[in-house]
Amino acid sequence: MGTVAANDLKTKGIKAIEDALLTQPEALVSVRGQIKYVVMSQDHYHYLRECELEAALAESRADMASDRFLKETVAQHLKRLKQLNKASK
């Protein structure tokens, strides 16, 4: 994965990011030699979000198949959340 220095961003602007993304889907941005950020195209970001949502859906389906869920009313759910919140303090 290519790295774009913060100084390159100052001098070249968005062109530095565009150049880094020509050959890869993500580019690292370093500030004073430390990697601080990752930049990517909006299309790649949406792809990653879709993957994340698919993984969450698969996990939910596995929980349902294994009976790892609660069936409760909204009021019961809110009450349980309040109790969990109090217990964590």
Protein backbone atom coordinates (compact mmCIF):
# COMPACT_ATOMS: atom_id res chain seq x y z
CA MET A 1 0.00 0.00 0.00
CA GLY A 2 1.43 3.38 -1.00
CA THR A 3 2.01 6.17 1.45
CA VAL A 4 1.27 9.84 0.94
CA ALA A 5 3.17 12.23 3.21
CA ALA A 6 1.20 15.09 4.74
CA ASN A 7 3.71 17.48 3.19
CA ASP A 8 2.83 16.09 -0.26
CA LEU A 9 -0.80 16.86 0.48
CA LYS A 10 0.17 20.43 1.33
CA THR A 11 2.13 20.93 -1.87
CA LYS A 12 0.27 18.73 -4.37
CA GLY A 13 -3.22 18.72 -2.88
CA ILE A 14 -5.73 16.11 -3.89
CA LYS A 15 -3.52 15.15 -6.86
CA ALA A 16 -1.22 13.32 -4.41
CA ILE A 17 -4.12 11.13 -3.30
CA GLU A 18 -5.39 10.61 -6.83
CA ASP A 19 -1.93 9.46 -7.92
CA ALA A 20 -1.63 7.06 -4.98
CA LEU A 21 -5.03 5.53 -5.76
CA LEU A 22 -4.22 4.87 -9.41
CA THR A 23 -2.65 1.51 -8.64
CA GLN A 24 -4.32 0.48 -5.38
CA PRO A 25 -7.70 0.82 -3.66
CA GLU A 26 -6.33 2.47 -0.50
CA ALA A 27 -3.47 4.81 0.36
CA LEU A 28 -1.90 5.57 3.71
CA VAL A 29 -1.31 9.16 4.85
CA SER A 30 1.67 9.74 7.10
CA VAL A 31 2.15 12.69 9.42
CA ARG A 32 5.70 13.18 10.73
CA GLY A 33 6.58 9.65 9.68
CA GLN A 34 3.62 8.02 11.44
CA ILE A 35 0.70 6.49 9.54
CA LYS A 36 -2.37 8.43 10.68
CA TYR A 37 -5.02 7.99 7.99
CA VAL A 38 -6.20 5.73 5.21
CA VAL A 39 -7.88 7.25 2.16
CA MET A 40 -9.87 5.48 -0.54
CA SER A 41 -12.33 6.17 -3.29
CA GLN A 42 -15.98 6.47 -2.42
CA ASP A 43 -16.74 3.34 -4.47
CA HIS A 44 -14.20 1.34 -2.45
CA TYR A 45 -15.61 2.73 0.81
CA HIS A 46 -19.13 1.65 -0.21
CA TYR A 47 -17.81 -1.79 -1.11
CA LEU A 48 -16.20 -2.16 2.33
CA ARG A 49 -19.40 -0.97 4.07
CA GLU A 50 -21.40 -3.52 2.07
CA CYS A 51 -18.98 -6.26 3.17
CA GLU A 52 -19.35 -5.14 6.77
CA LEU A 53 -23.15 -5.24 6.52
CA GLU A 54 -23.07 -8.67 4.87
CA ALA A 55 -20.90 -9.97 7.73
CA ALA A 56 -23.34 -8.55 10.30
CA LEU A 57 -26.26 -10.15 8.46
CA ALA A 58 -24.47 -13.52 8.39
CA GLU A 59 -23.77 -13.23 12.12
CA SER A 60 -27.43 -12.41 12.81
CA ARG A 61 -28.59 -15.37 10.75
CA ALA A 62 -26.21 -17.67 12.62
CA ASP A 63 -27.52 -16.33 15.95
CA MET A 64 -31.10 -16.95 14.88
CA ALA A 65 -30.28 -20.46 13.66
CA SER A 66 -28.67 -21.22 17.03
CA ASP A 67 -31.46 -19.64 19.10
CA ARG A 68 -29.09 -16.94 20.42
CA PHE A 69 -31.63 -14.13 20.53
CA LEU A 70 -34.28 -12.63 22.76
CA LYS A 71 -37.88 -12.04 21.83
CA GLU A 72 -39.24 -9.09 23.78
CA THR A 73 -41.40 -6.00 23.47
CA VAL A 74 -39.94 -2.56 22.98
CA ALA A 75 -40.73 -1.71 26.61
CA GLN A 76 -38.98 -4.87 27.82
CA HIS A 77 -35.98 -4.11 25.64
CA LEU A 78 -35.67 -0.54 26.91
CA LYS A 79 -35.97 -1.73 30.50
CA ARG A 80 -33.21 -4.31 29.93
CA LEU A 81 -30.97 -1.66 28.34
CA LYS A 82 -31.47 0.66 31.32
CA GLN A 83 -30.54 -2.16 33.70
CA LEU A 84 -27.42 -2.96 31.66
CA ASN A 85 -26.49 0.71 31.65
CA LYS A 86 -26.85 0.97 35.44
CA ALA A 87 -24.80 -2.19 35.95
CA SER A 88 -21.95 -0.86 33.82
CA LYS A 89 -21.53 2.32 35.89
